[in-house]
Amino acid sequence: MTRYGMVIDLHKCVGCGACQIACKKENNVDTGMFWSHHLIEESGVFPHVRHEYTPTMCNHCADAECVRVCPTSAMHKDENGLTLHDASRCIGCKSCMMACPYSAVNFNRKDVPRSWDDDEAIIPGCTSTAKEQQGKTGLTVPYYNKDRAATYPGVREVGTVEKCTMCDHRVKVGLAPYCAEVCPAQARVFGDLDDPQSQASQLLARYESHVLKPEVGTHPAVHYVRGF
């Protein structure tokens, strides 16, 4: 059995947001939704202040609350330990959203982002409209990625939920999640947490790690080492 997970080295992370941009492009994530996000915490009194930036995503918990409460088993665990979602079985009840202690699940309220249907140019007579661009590319949303549609709907339907899948479509062909691949500081390491030879396991063996909200007992597969 494989137990995939992510180790994020906060000492290497510079808070550039490349992971969030890459995730949106790779997975066609709508405006206002975030599969890859972040927490920012500032403490202290000037000039003795501390700024902390923590990248976040679905934690792919071993004891996932979203899986436990889903009435149709749309939210489920796969053979590699990833928490995935079968959009065809989703009834849009939002039970998973309410159960997730990390607010990592999004709900689709519209089919196509209205901004991409806009027929008004930002600079009249100079720039093309979003609708014109859409017509020329033949795509209903920007950055449509056919590879994403290999294991999951390329564009999610209205009335269903969605979240980070750890780029399962890439993992199935031997690639790392896109957020890990594009990180300029190589702060994200993906791998089998049960394989002592994997880089992810070696990082956990080398450094003391922590997870978000350990008190809720979901046993996340996303671990953090060192400090921002």
C-alpha atoms as a PDB file:
ATOM      1  CA  MET A   1       0.000   0.000   0.000  1.00  0.00           C
ATOM      2  CA  THR A   2       1.099   3.555  -0.742  1.00  0.00           C
ATOM      3  CA  ARG A   3       0.316   6.504   1.518  1.00  0.00           C
ATOM      4  CA  TYR A   4       0.936   9.677  -0.428  1.00  0.00           C
ATOM      5  CA  GLY A   5       1.452  12.955   1.361  1.00  0.00           C
ATOM      6  CA  MET A   6       3.138  16.332   1.195  1.00  0.00           C
ATOM      7  CA  VAL A   7       5.900  17.789   3.343  1.00  0.00           C
ATOM      8  CA  ILE A   8       6.184  21.595   3.259  1.00  0.00           C
ATOM      9  CA  ASP A   9       9.457  23.124   4.426  1.00  0.00           C
ATOM     10  CA  LEU A  10       8.447  26.494   5.855  1.00  0.00           C
ATOM     11  CA  HIS A  11      12.087  27.563   6.111  1.00  0.00           C
ATOM     12  CA  LYS A  12      12.358  27.378   2.313  1.00  0.00           C
ATOM     13  CA  CYS A  13       8.908  28.849   1.568  1.00  0.00           C
ATOM     14  CA  VAL A  14       9.085  32.549   0.655  1.00  0.00           C
ATOM     15  CA  GLY A  15       5.337  33.086   0.348  1.00  0.00           C
ATOM     16  CA  CYS A  16       5.517  33.878  -3.374  1.00  0.00           C
ATOM     17  CA  GLY A  17       2.157  32.278  -4.182  1.00  0.00           C
ATOM     18  CA  ALA A  18       3.460  30.301  -7.172  1.00  0.00           C
ATOM     19  CA  CYS A  19       1.739  27.194  -5.793  1.00  0.00           C
ATOM     20  CA  GLN A  20      -1.641  28.934  -5.792  1.00  0.00           C
ATOM     21  CA  ILE A  21      -1.265  30.245  -9.334  1.00  0.00           C
ATOM     22  CA  ALA A  22      -0.065  26.874 -10.618  1.00  0.00           C
ATOM     23  CA  CYS A  23      -2.946  25.062  -8.939  1.00  0.00           C
ATOM     24  CA  LYS A  24      -5.537  27.334 -10.540  1.00  0.00           C
ATOM     25  CA  LYS A  25      -4.012  26.875 -13.977  1.00  0.00           C
ATOM     26  CA  GLU A  26      -3.526  23.116 -13.703  1.00  0.00           C
ATOM     27  CA  ASN A  27      -6.967  22.369 -12.281  1.00  0.00           C
ATOM     28  CA  ASN A  28      -9.115  25.095 -13.886  1.00  0.00           C
ATOM     29  CA  VAL A  29     -10.084  26.494 -10.481  1.00  0.00           C
ATOM     30  CA  ASP A  30     -12.640  29.282 -10.692  1.00  0.00           C
ATOM     31  CA  THR A  31     -12.156  32.838  -9.474  1.00  0.00           C
ATOM     32  CA  GLY A  32     -12.842  33.123  -5.760  1.00  0.00           C
ATOM     33  CA  MET A  33     -12.047  29.447  -5.108  1.00  0.00           C
ATOM     34  CA  PHE A  34      -8.778  28.126  -3.766  1.00  0.00           C
ATOM     35  CA  TRP A  35      -7.608  24.522  -3.747  1.00  0.00           C
ATOM     36  CA  SER A  36      -4.197  25.852  -2.744  1.00  0.00           C
ATOM     37  CA  HIS A  37      -4.321  28.746  -0.299  1.00  0.00           C
ATOM     38  CA  HIS A  38      -2.459  30.187   2.694  1.00  0.00           C
ATOM     39  CA  LEU A  39      -2.711  31.473   6.248  1.00  0.00           C
ATOM     40  CA  ILE A  40      -0.999  34.681   7.363  1.00  0.00           C
ATOM     41  CA  GLU A  41      -0.399  35.449  11.020  1.00  0.00           C
ATOM     42  CA  GLU A  42       1.304  38.531  12.435  1.00  0.00           C
ATOM     43  CA  SER A  43       2.118  38.873  16.098  1.00  0.00           C
ATOM     44  CA  GLY A  44       3.992  41.185  18.446  1.00  0.00           C
ATOM     45  CA  VAL A  45       4.289  44.944  18.712  1.00  0.00           C
ATOM     46  CA  PHE A  46       6.473  47.022  16.402  1.00  0.00           C
ATOM     47  CA  PRO A  47       9.421  46.838  16.091  1.00  0.00           C
ATOM     48  CA  HIS A  48       9.354  43.358  17.622  1.00  0.00           C
ATOM     49  CA  VAL A  49       6.934  41.708  15.225  1.00  0.00           C
ATOM     50  CA  ARG A  50       6.692  38.289  13.629  1.00  0.00           C
ATOM     51  CA  HIS A  51       5.160  37.423  10.240  1.00  0.00           C
ATOM     52  CA  GLU A  52       4.243  33.825   9.465  1.00  0.00           C
ATOM     53  CA  TYR A  53       3.028  32.497   6.114  1.00  0.00           C
ATOM     54  CA  THR A  54       1.632  28.974   5.964  1.00  0.00           C
ATOM     55  CA  PRO A  55       0.635  27.414   2.609  1.00  0.00           C
ATOM     56  CA  THR A  56      -2.535  25.335   2.876  1.00  0.00           C
ATOM     57  CA  MET A  57      -4.385  22.740   0.817  1.00  0.00           C
ATOM     58  CA  CYS A  58      -6.634  19.733   1.388  1.00  0.00           C
ATOM     59  CA  ASN A  59      -4.857  17.692   4.049  1.00  0.00           C
ATOM     60  CA  HIS A  60      -5.944  14.320   2.600  1.00  0.00           C
ATOM     61  CA  CYS A  61      -6.596  13.161   6.149  1.00  0.00           C
ATOM     62  CA  ALA A  62      -6.347   9.487   7.083  1.00  0.00           C
ATOM     63  CA  ASP A  63      -9.542   9.914   9.113  1.00  0.00           C
ATOM     64  CA  ALA A  64     -11.240  12.401   6.811  1.00  0.00           C
ATOM     65  CA  GLU A  65     -14.392  13.974   8.230  1.00  0.00           C
ATOM     66  CA  CYS A  66     -15.588  14.850   4.725  1.00  0.00           C
ATOM     67  CA  VAL A  67     -15.544  11.158   3.770  1.00  0.00           C
ATOM     68  CA  ARG A  68     -17.282  10.114   6.962  1.00  0.00           C
ATOM     69  CA  VAL A  69     -20.294  12.423   6.488  1.00  0.00           C
ATOM     70  CA  CYS A  70     -20.785  12.141   2.702  1.00  0.00           C
ATOM     71  CA  PRO A  71     -24.178  10.418   2.184  1.00  0.00           C
ATOM     72  CA  THR A  72     -23.386   9.164  -1.334  1.00  0.00           C
ATOM     73  CA  SER A  73     -19.714   8.215  -0.898  1.00  0.00           C
ATOM     74  CA  ALA A  74     -18.841  10.839  -3.482  1.00  0.00           C
ATOM     75  CA  MET A  75     -16.038  11.895  -1.171  1.00  0.00           C
ATOM     76  CA  HIS A  76     -13.830   8.862  -0.674  1.00  0.00           C
ATOM     77  CA  LYS A  77     -10.331   7.570  -0.010  1.00  0.00           C
ATOM     78  CA  ASP A  78      -8.415   5.927  -2.855  1.00  0.00           C
ATOM     79  CA  GLU A  79      -5.906   3.088  -2.668  1.00  0.00           C
ATOM     80  CA  ASN A  80      -3.016   5.538  -2.274  1.00  0.00           C
ATOM     81  CA  GLY A  81      -4.457   7.405   0.699  1.00  0.00           C
ATOM     82  CA  LEU A  82      -5.661  10.426  -1.276  1.00  0.00           C
ATOM     83  CA  THR A  83      -9.038  11.945  -0.463  1.00  0.00           C
ATOM     84  CA  LEU A  84     -10.871  12.242  -3.781  1.00  0.00           C
ATOM     85  CA  HIS A  85     -14.320  13.257  -4.953  1.00  0.00           C
ATOM     86  CA  ASP A  86     -16.604  11.585  -7.475  1.00  0.00           C
ATOM     87  CA  ALA A  87     -18.463  14.530  -8.985  1.00  0.00           C
ATOM     88  CA  SER A  88     -20.988  12.230 -10.694  1.00  0.00           C
ATOM     89  CA  ARG A  89     -22.229  11.048  -7.284  1.00  0.00           C
ATOM     90  CA  CYS A  90     -22.256  14.463  -5.609  1.00  0.00           C
ATOM     91  CA  ILE A  91     -25.700  15.825  -4.692  1.00  0.00           C
ATOM     92  CA  GLY A  92     -24.409  19.181  -3.504  1.00  0.00           C
ATOM     93  CA  CYS A  93     -25.555  18.765   0.095  1.00  0.00           C
ATOM     94  CA  LYS A  94     -22.390  20.484   1.414  1.00  0.00           C
ATOM     95  CA  SER A  95     -22.059  18.056   4.321  1.00  0.00           C
ATOM     96  CA  CYS A  96     -18.364  17.706   3.509  1.00  0.00           C
ATOM     97  CA  MET A  97     -17.894  21.479   3.563  1.00  0.00           C
ATOM     98  CA  MET A  98     -19.426  21.753   7.008  1.00  0.00           C
ATOM     99  CA  ALA A  99     -17.472  18.780   8.341  1.00  0.00           C
ATOM    100  CA  CYS A 100     -14.027  19.785   7.064  1.00  0.00           C
ATOM    101  CA  PRO A 101     -12.161  21.486   9.923  1.00  0.00           C
ATOM    102  CA  TYR A 102      -9.774  23.127   7.443  1.00  0.00           C
ATOM    103  CA  SER A 103     -12.360  24.787   5.139  1.00  0.00           C
ATOM    104  CA  ALA A 104     -10.689  23.060   2.198  1.00  0.00           C
ATOM    105  CA  VAL A 105     -13.855  22.192   0.228  1.00  0.00           C
ATOM    106  CA  ASN A 106     -15.447  24.618  -2.263  1.00  0.00           C
ATOM    107  CA  PHE A 107     -18.952  24.693  -3.734  1.00  0.00           C
ATOM    108  CA  ASN A 108     -19.725  25.532  -7.357  1.00  0.00           C
ATOM    109  CA  ARG A 109     -22.499  28.100  -7.544  1.00  0.00           C
ATOM    110  CA  LYS A 110     -22.189  28.830 -11.261  1.00  0.00           C
ATOM    111  CA  ASP A 111     -21.276  27.004 -14.441  1.00  0.00           C
ATOM    112  CA  VAL A 112     -18.885  29.440 -16.101  1.00  0.00           C
ATOM    113  CA  PRO A 113     -17.176  32.455 -14.524  1.00  0.00           C
ATOM    114  CA  ARG A 114     -19.186  35.446 -15.715  1.00  0.00           C
ATOM    115  CA  SER A 115     -16.023  37.514 -16.132  1.00  0.00           C
ATOM    116  CA  TRP A 116     -15.044  35.335 -19.083  1.00  0.00           C
ATOM    117  CA  ASP A 117     -18.351  36.111 -20.828  1.00  0.00           C
ATOM    118  CA  ASP A 118     -17.778  39.846 -20.529  1.00  0.00           C
ATOM    119  CA  ASP A 119     -18.117  41.640 -23.874  1.00  0.00           C
ATOM    120  CA  GLU A 120     -16.767  44.972 -22.628  1.00  0.00           C
ATOM    121  CA  ALA A 121     -13.127  45.801 -23.335  1.00  0.00           C
ATOM    122  CA  ILE A 122     -10.994  47.100 -20.475  1.00  0.00           C
ATOM    123  CA  ILE A 123      -9.567  49.684 -22.886  1.00  0.00           C
ATOM    124  CA  PRO A 124     -12.140  50.387 -25.658  1.00  0.00           C
ATOM    125  CA  GLY A 125     -10.626  50.156 -29.113  1.00  0.00           C
ATOM    126  CA  CYS A 126      -7.392  48.777 -27.728  1.00  0.00           C
ATOM    127  CA  THR A 127      -7.862  45.484 -25.888  1.00  0.00           C
ATOM    128  CA  SER A 128      -9.993  42.539 -26.913  1.00  0.00           C
ATOM    129  CA  THR A 129     -12.905  41.509 -24.732  1.00  0.00           C
ATOM    130  CA  ALA A 130     -12.978  38.357 -22.644  1.00  0.00           C
ATOM    131  CA  LYS A 131     -15.771  37.040 -24.830  1.00  0.00           C
ATOM    132  CA  GLU A 132     -13.688  37.594 -27.974  1.00  0.00           C
ATOM    133  CA  GLN A 133     -10.767  35.735 -26.437  1.00  0.00           C
ATOM    134  CA  GLN A 134     -13.062  32.903 -25.471  1.00  0.00           C
ATOM    135  CA  GLY A 135     -14.361  32.667 -29.017  1.00  0.00           C
ATOM    136  CA  LYS A 136     -10.858  32.572 -30.500  1.00  0.00           C
ATOM    137  CA  THR A 137      -9.585  29.875 -28.163  1.00  0.00           C
ATOM    138  CA  GLY A 138     -12.772  27.814 -28.229  1.00  0.00           C
ATOM    139  CA  LEU A 139     -12.599  27.322 -24.468  1.00  0.00           C
ATOM    140  CA  THR A 140     -15.346  28.103 -21.973  1.00  0.00           C
ATOM    141  CA  VAL A 141     -12.860  28.949 -19.230  1.00  0.00           C
ATOM    142  CA  PRO A 142      -9.237  30.128 -19.317  1.00  0.00           C
ATOM    143  CA  TYR A 143      -6.385  27.663 -18.944  1.00  0.00           C
ATOM    144  CA  TYR A 144      -8.503  24.587 -19.666  1.00  0.00           C
ATOM    145  CA  ASN A 145      -6.266  21.569 -19.145  1.00  0.00           C
ATOM    146  CA  LYS A 146      -7.329  18.377 -20.908  1.00  0.00           C
ATOM    147  CA  ASP A 147      -4.983  16.355 -18.682  1.00  0.00           C
ATOM    148  CA  ARG A 148      -7.070  17.351 -15.669  1.00  0.00           C
ATOM    149  CA  ALA A 149     -10.075  15.705 -17.323  1.00  0.00           C
ATOM    150  CA  ALA A 150      -8.269  12.351 -17.392  1.00  0.00           C
ATOM    151  CA  THR A 151      -9.403  11.467 -13.863  1.00  0.00           C
ATOM    152  CA  TYR A 152     -11.822  14.242 -12.847  1.00  0.00           C
ATOM    153  CA  PRO A 153     -14.195  16.613 -14.678  1.00  0.00           C
ATOM    154  CA  GLY A 154     -12.108  19.237 -16.417  1.00  0.00           C
ATOM    155  CA  VAL A 155     -14.685  21.850 -15.443  1.00  0.00           C
ATOM    156  CA  ARG A 156     -16.854  21.096 -12.434  1.00  0.00           C
ATOM    157  CA  GLU A 157     -20.616  21.365 -12.767  1.00  0.00           C
ATOM    158  CA  VAL A 158     -22.770  23.830 -10.890  1.00  0.00           C
ATOM    159  CA  GLY A 159     -24.171  22.396  -7.656  1.00  0.00           C
ATOM    160  CA  THR A 160     -21.196  20.146  -6.850  1.00  0.00           C
ATOM    161  CA  VAL A 161     -18.249  20.514  -4.522  1.00  0.00           C
ATOM    162  CA  GLU A 162     -14.568  20.415  -5.373  1.00  0.00           C
ATOM    163  CA  LYS A 163     -11.195  20.532  -3.661  1.00  0.00           C
ATOM    164  CA  CYS A 164      -7.500  19.719  -4.029  1.00  0.00           C
ATOM    165  CA  THR A 165      -6.933  16.222  -5.393  1.00  0.00           C
ATOM    166  CA  MET A 166      -3.139  16.366  -4.927  1.00  0.00           C
ATOM    167  CA  CYS A 167      -3.140  16.414  -8.751  1.00  0.00           C
ATOM    168  CA  ASP A 168      -4.167  12.753  -8.888  1.00  0.00           C
ATOM    169  CA  HIS A 169      -4.099  12.910 -12.705  1.00  0.00           C
ATOM    170  CA  ARG A 170      -0.375  13.699 -12.546  1.00  0.00           C
ATOM    171  CA  VAL A 171       0.356  11.236  -9.755  1.00  0.00           C
ATOM    172  CA  LYS A 172      -1.156   8.400 -11.800  1.00  0.00           C
ATOM    173  CA  VAL A 173       1.474   8.941 -14.506  1.00  0.00           C
ATOM    174  CA  GLY A 174       4.407   9.271 -12.121  1.00  0.00           C
ATOM    175  CA  LEU A 175       4.511  13.061 -11.774  1.00  0.00           C
ATOM    176  CA  ALA A 176       4.413  15.206  -8.643  1.00  0.00           C
ATOM    177  CA  PRO A 177       1.513  17.583  -7.927  1.00  0.00           C
ATOM    178  CA  TYR A 178       1.966  20.742  -9.973  1.00  0.00           C
ATOM    179  CA  CYS A 179       2.300  22.960  -6.902  1.00  0.00           C
ATOM    180  CA  ALA A 180       5.355  20.949  -5.854  1.00  0.00           C
ATOM    181  CA  GLU A 181       6.850  20.993  -9.336  1.00  0.00           C
ATOM    182  CA  VAL A 182       6.676  24.765  -9.796  1.00  0.00           C
ATOM    183  CA  CYS A 183       7.801  25.816  -6.301  1.00  0.00           C
ATOM    184  CA  PRO A 184      10.919  27.929  -6.994  1.00  0.00           C
ATOM    185  CA  ALA A 185      12.313  27.216  -3.512  1.00  0.00           C
ATOM    186  CA  GLN A 186      11.545  23.470  -3.653  1.00  0.00           C
ATOM    187  CA  ALA A 187       9.688  23.890  -0.375  1.00  0.00           C
ATOM    188  CA  ARG A 188       7.098  21.233  -1.260  1.00  0.00           C
ATOM    189  CA  VAL A 189       8.027  17.557  -1.342  1.00  0.00           C
ATOM    190  CA  PHE A 190       5.508  14.918  -2.392  1.00  0.00           C
ATOM    191  CA  GLY A 191       5.945  11.222  -1.800  1.00  0.00           C
ATOM    192  CA  ASP A 192       5.020   7.977  -0.089  1.00  0.00           C
ATOM    193  CA  LEU A 193       5.041   8.625   3.640  1.00  0.00           C
ATOM    194  CA  ASP A 194       5.290   4.872   4.293  1.00  0.00           C
ATOM    195  CA  ASP A 195       8.444   4.522   2.193  1.00  0.00           C
ATOM    196  CA  PRO A 196      11.493   5.319   4.355  1.00  0.00           C
ATOM    197  CA  GLN A 197      13.495   5.938   1.179  1.00  0.00           C
ATOM    198  CA  SER A 198      11.221   8.680  -0.140  1.00  0.00           C
ATOM    199  CA  GLN A 199      12.409  12.259   0.210  1.00  0.00           C
ATOM    200  CA  ALA A 200       9.212  13.137   2.063  1.00  0.00           C
ATOM    201  CA  SER A 201       9.814  10.439   4.686  1.00  0.00           C
ATOM    202  CA  GLN A 202      13.448  11.448   5.041  1.00  0.00           C
ATOM    203  CA  LEU A 203      12.447  15.046   5.752  1.00  0.00           C
ATOM    204  CA  LEU A 204      10.050  13.873   8.456  1.00  0.00           C
ATOM    205  CA  ALA A 205      12.805  11.746   9.951  1.00  0.00           C
ATOM    206  CA  ARG A 206      15.270  14.629   9.910  1.00  0.00           C
ATOM    207  CA  TYR A 207      13.083  17.429  11.258  1.00  0.00           C
ATOM    208  CA  GLU A 208      10.394  17.729  13.891  1.00  0.00           C
ATOM    209  CA  SER A 209       7.085  18.202  12.071  1.00  0.00           C
ATOM    210  CA  HIS A 210       3.601  19.424  12.801  1.00  0.00           C
ATOM    211  CA  VAL A 211       0.177  19.368  11.142  1.00  0.00           C
ATOM    212  CA  LEU A 212      -2.677  21.852  11.174  1.00  0.00           C
ATOM    213  CA  LYS A 213      -5.235  21.454  13.957  1.00  0.00           C
ATOM    214  CA  PRO A 214      -3.891  18.195  15.413  1.00  0.00           C
ATOM    215  CA  GLU A 215      -6.544  18.394  18.116  1.00  0.00           C
ATOM    216  CA  VAL A 216      -9.329  17.438  15.677  1.00  0.00           C
ATOM    217  CA  GLY A 217      -7.783  13.994  15.184  1.00  0.00           C
ATOM    218  CA  THR A 218      -8.041  13.692  11.395  1.00  0.00           C
ATOM    219  CA  HIS A 219      -4.360  12.695  10.935  1.00  0.00           C
ATOM    220  CA  PRO A 220      -3.452  14.906   7.951  1.00  0.00           C
ATOM    221  CA  ALA A 221      -1.094  13.750   5.212  1.00  0.00           C
ATOM    222  CA  VAL A 222       0.270  17.291   4.829  1.00  0.00           C
ATOM    223  CA  HIS A 223       3.135  17.938   7.250  1.00  0.00           C
ATOM    224  CA  TYR A 224       5.130  21.091   7.976  1.00  0.00           C
ATOM    225  CA  VAL A 225       8.778  21.208   8.990  1.00  0.00           C
ATOM    226  CA  ARG A 226      10.967  24.051  10.256  1.00  0.00           C
ATOM    227  CA  GLY A 227       9.696  27.662  10.342  1.00  0.00           C
ATOM    228  CA  PHE A 228       8.824  30.474   7.950  1.00  0.00           C
END
